Amino acid sequence: MQLFLFSFLLLSICEIFSIGGFPLKNSVRIGFSAAHLGMFTATTWILMLNGAVGYQALNDGSFMSIVLIVGSAAALFVGTGFIALDTGLNLTGYFNSPMIQAAPNRSYSLYTLWILAPLVFLFIYFILETWLVLRVLGEVKPMCKTGRLLLTFQLLTSWQCSCFSPRSSLQLAKFSIM
């Protein structure tokens, strides 16, 4: 759980600089936005793996479990961050959409890693926790909290998508995803 909280701290710091309105050069802002997107994907991955750790396949806090969680999260962070940097700074152009003339800075792979993958990770986390709490522990009360959390998350995500703020990380970094 401390890994999740630490990754959330790093995510928050990157978010402050990517959408905080600080007078930064555009390339620096794109760098912070790329780190923000990478940390978001890595943080949701760590949350999902925390849900899997509850089943004690590997001992919680053992060297092997920490190495697997940190290593896989670092791979997601680096991969998503590189795709975001490549999209924002047009380093190679490999990840750009075929319709680059019509809509510059469009990346379907970045959309998949930043939007779709974390939603899948959160869904898997919810399923893992539901099974653990209801079947293994036999408790119902914690599921009420988890259900409210899921409903709140869904409502806020729907609202955020419908009200795409001009101060958002993607807008300031000149990423346009779907």
Protein backbone atom coordinates (compact mmCIF):
# COMPACT_ATOMS: atom_id res chain seq x y z
CA MET A 1 0.00 0.00 0.00
CA GLN A 2 2.92 2.35 0.65
CA LEU A 3 4.00 1.87 -2.98
CA PHE A 4 0.56 3.00 -4.10
CA LEU A 5 0.65 6.07 -1.85
CA PHE A 6 4.17 6.97 -3.00
CA SER A 7 3.17 6.64 -6.66
CA PHE A 8 0.10 8.80 -5.96
CA LEU A 9 2.40 11.43 -4.43
CA LEU A 10 4.55 11.44 -7.58
CA LEU A 11 1.41 11.57 -9.72
CA SER A 12 0.17 14.61 -7.78
CA ILE A 13 3.49 16.44 -8.15
CA CYS A 14 3.54 15.84 -11.91
CA GLU A 15 -0.09 16.94 -12.12
CA ILE A 16 0.64 20.19 -10.29
CA PHE A 17 3.26 21.15 -12.85
CA SER A 18 1.35 19.93 -15.89
CA ILE A 19 -2.01 21.62 -15.14
CA GLY A 20 -1.08 24.09 -12.41
CA GLY A 21 -0.72 27.07 -14.69
CA PHE A 22 2.95 27.64 -13.93
CA PRO A 23 4.78 29.67 -16.61
CA LEU A 24 6.82 26.83 -18.10
CA LYS A 25 8.24 26.33 -21.55
CA ASN A 26 5.98 24.21 -23.70
CA SER A 27 8.52 21.38 -23.94
CA VAL A 28 8.89 21.29 -20.13
CA ARG A 29 5.12 21.20 -19.73
CA ILE A 30 4.93 18.34 -22.24
CA GLY A 31 7.58 16.51 -20.19
CA PHE A 32 5.58 16.94 -16.98
CA SER A 33 2.40 15.92 -18.79
CA ALA A 34 4.13 12.79 -20.10
CA ALA A 35 5.26 11.96 -16.56
CA HIS A 36 1.73 12.66 -15.32
CA LEU A 37 0.19 10.27 -17.85
CA GLY A 38 2.80 7.60 -17.15
CA MET A 39 2.34 7.89 -13.39
CA PHE A 40 -1.43 7.67 -13.76
CA THR A 41 -1.15 4.38 -15.65
CA ALA A 42 1.49 3.04 -13.23
CA THR A 43 -0.55 4.08 -10.18
CA THR A 44 -3.69 2.29 -11.33
CA TRP A 45 -1.54 -0.76 -12.15
CA ILE A 46 -0.11 -0.73 -8.62
CA LEU A 47 -3.63 -0.45 -7.21
CA MET A 48 -4.73 -3.48 -9.22
CA LEU A 49 -1.70 -5.46 -8.04
CA ASN A 50 -2.49 -4.46 -4.44
CA GLY A 51 -5.86 -6.12 -4.98
CA ALA A 52 -4.10 -9.28 -6.17
CA VAL A 53 -1.68 -9.23 -3.22
CA GLY A 54 -4.65 -9.74 -0.89
CA TYR A 55 -4.88 -13.35 -2.08
CA GLN A 56 -1.36 -14.01 -0.70
CA ALA A 57 0.02 -15.80 -3.77
CA LEU A 58 3.27 -14.12 -2.76
CA ASN A 59 3.82 -12.88 0.76
CA ASP A 60 2.82 -9.25 1.13
CA GLY A 61 5.93 -7.08 1.45
CA SER A 62 8.37 -9.78 0.40
CA PHE A 63 11.29 -8.81 -1.79
CA MET A 64 9.88 -10.71 -4.77
CA SER A 65 6.43 -9.11 -4.58
CA ILE A 66 7.89 -5.61 -4.28
CA VAL A 67 10.28 -6.18 -7.19
CA LEU A 68 7.46 -7.50 -9.39
CA ILE A 69 5.14 -4.60 -8.55
CA VAL A 70 7.79 -1.87 -8.91
CA GLY A 71 9.32 -3.43 -12.03
CA SER A 72 6.05 -3.82 -13.90
CA ALA A 73 4.85 -0.35 -12.84
CA ALA A 74 8.15 1.16 -13.97
CA ALA A 75 7.77 -0.54 -17.36
CA LEU A 76 4.27 0.94 -17.75
CA PHE A 77 5.51 4.36 -16.62
CA VAL A 78 8.39 4.37 -19.10
CA GLY A 79 6.27 3.04 -21.96
CA THR A 80 3.39 5.45 -21.48
CA GLY A 81 5.76 8.35 -20.81
CA PHE A 82 7.73 7.68 -23.97
CA ILE A 83 4.60 7.48 -26.10
CA ALA A 84 3.37 10.75 -24.56
CA LEU A 85 6.74 12.45 -25.18
CA ASP A 86 6.85 11.13 -28.73
CA THR A 87 3.32 12.36 -29.36
CA GLY A 88 3.81 15.79 -27.78
CA LEU A 89 7.30 16.56 -29.08
CA ASN A 90 6.97 14.53 -32.31
CA LEU A 91 10.30 12.78 -31.69
CA THR A 92 9.78 9.87 -34.07
CA GLY A 93 6.18 10.26 -35.25
CA TYR A 94 5.74 6.51 -34.90
CA PHE A 95 2.79 6.72 -32.51
CA ASN A 96 0.89 9.43 -34.36
CA SER A 97 -2.45 8.73 -35.99
CA PRO A 98 -2.60 8.12 -39.75
CA MET A 99 -4.82 11.23 -39.89
CA ILE A 100 -2.01 13.47 -38.61
CA GLN A 101 -2.76 16.26 -41.10
CA ALA A 102 -6.39 16.48 -40.00
CA ALA A 103 -5.67 16.24 -36.26
CA PRO A 104 -2.07 16.74 -35.12
CA ASN A 105 -0.78 15.16 -31.90
CA ARG A 106 -3.31 12.35 -31.96
CA SER A 107 -2.15 9.01 -30.58
CA TYR A 108 -4.38 5.98 -30.31
CA SER A 109 -1.76 4.09 -28.33
CA LEU A 110 -1.60 6.91 -25.78
CA TYR A 111 -5.40 6.88 -25.58
CA THR A 112 -5.30 3.14 -24.91
CA LEU A 113 -2.59 3.35 -22.25
CA TRP A 114 -3.90 6.46 -20.49
CA ILE A 115 -7.68 5.98 -20.64
CA LEU A 116 -8.63 2.40 -21.42
CA ALA A 117 -5.93 0.45 -19.55
CA PRO A 118 -6.49 2.24 -16.21
CA LEU A 119 -10.24 1.64 -16.51
CA VAL A 120 -9.56 -2.06 -17.03
CA PHE A 121 -7.12 -2.05 -14.09
CA LEU A 122 -9.73 -0.41 -11.84
CA PHE A 123 -12.41 -2.86 -12.95
CA ILE A 124 -10.14 -5.82 -12.21
CA TYR A 125 -9.26 -4.29 -8.82
CA PHE A 126 -12.96 -3.94 -8.01
CA ILE A 127 -13.66 -7.56 -9.01
CA LEU A 128 -10.67 -8.83 -6.98
CA GLU A 129 -11.69 -6.86 -3.90
CA THR A 130 -15.34 -7.86 -4.24
CA TRP A 131 -14.44 -11.52 -4.37
CA LEU A 132 -12.01 -11.18 -1.49
CA VAL A 133 -14.41 -9.30 0.78
CA LEU A 134 -17.59 -11.24 0.03
CA ARG A 135 -16.32 -14.80 -0.48
CA VAL A 136 -13.10 -15.05 1.50
CA LEU A 137 -13.83 -12.71 4.40
CA GLY A 138 -17.62 -13.02 4.35
CA GLU A 139 -18.20 -9.30 5.00
CA VAL A 140 -20.88 -7.13 3.41
CA LYS A 141 -20.40 -3.73 5.07
CA PRO A 142 -17.08 -2.86 3.33
CA MET A 143 -18.72 -3.54 -0.03
CA CYS A 144 -21.16 -0.70 0.57
CA LYS A 145 -18.22 1.69 0.76
CA THR A 146 -16.57 0.16 -2.28
CA GLY A 147 -19.82 0.36 -4.25
CA ARG A 148 -20.23 4.05 -3.37
CA LEU A 149 -16.61 4.62 -4.38
CA LEU A 150 -17.17 2.95 -7.75
CA LEU A 151 -20.35 4.94 -8.36
CA THR A 152 -18.64 8.22 -7.45
CA PHE A 153 -15.68 7.42 -9.67
CA GLN A 154 -17.96 6.63 -12.60
CA LEU A 155 -19.99 9.82 -12.15
CA LEU A 156 -16.89 12.00 -11.88
CA THR A 157 -15.25 10.32 -14.86
CA SER A 158 -18.37 10.85 -16.97
CA TRP A 159 -18.56 14.49 -15.88
CA GLN A 160 -14.88 15.08 -16.63
CA CYS A 161 -15.18 13.59 -20.10
CA SER A 162 -18.25 15.69 -20.90
CA CYS A 163 -16.72 18.92 -19.57
CA PHE A 164 -13.22 18.74 -21.05
CA SER A 165 -11.53 21.62 -19.26
CA PRO A 166 -9.23 23.93 -21.23
CA ARG A 167 -6.83 23.81 -18.26
CA SER A 168 -6.43 20.05 -18.43
CA SER A 169 -3.09 18.35 -18.78
CA LEU A 170 -3.72 17.25 -22.32
CA GLN A 171 -4.90 20.64 -23.49
CA LEU A 172 -1.89 22.49 -22.08
CA ALA A 173 0.52 19.93 -23.47
CA LYS A 174 -1.23 20.10 -26.85
CA PHE A 175 -2.14 16.45 -26.85
CA SER A 176 -5.48 15.70 -28.41
CA ILE A 177 -6.70 12.23 -27.73
CA MET A 178 -9.73 11.02 -29.58
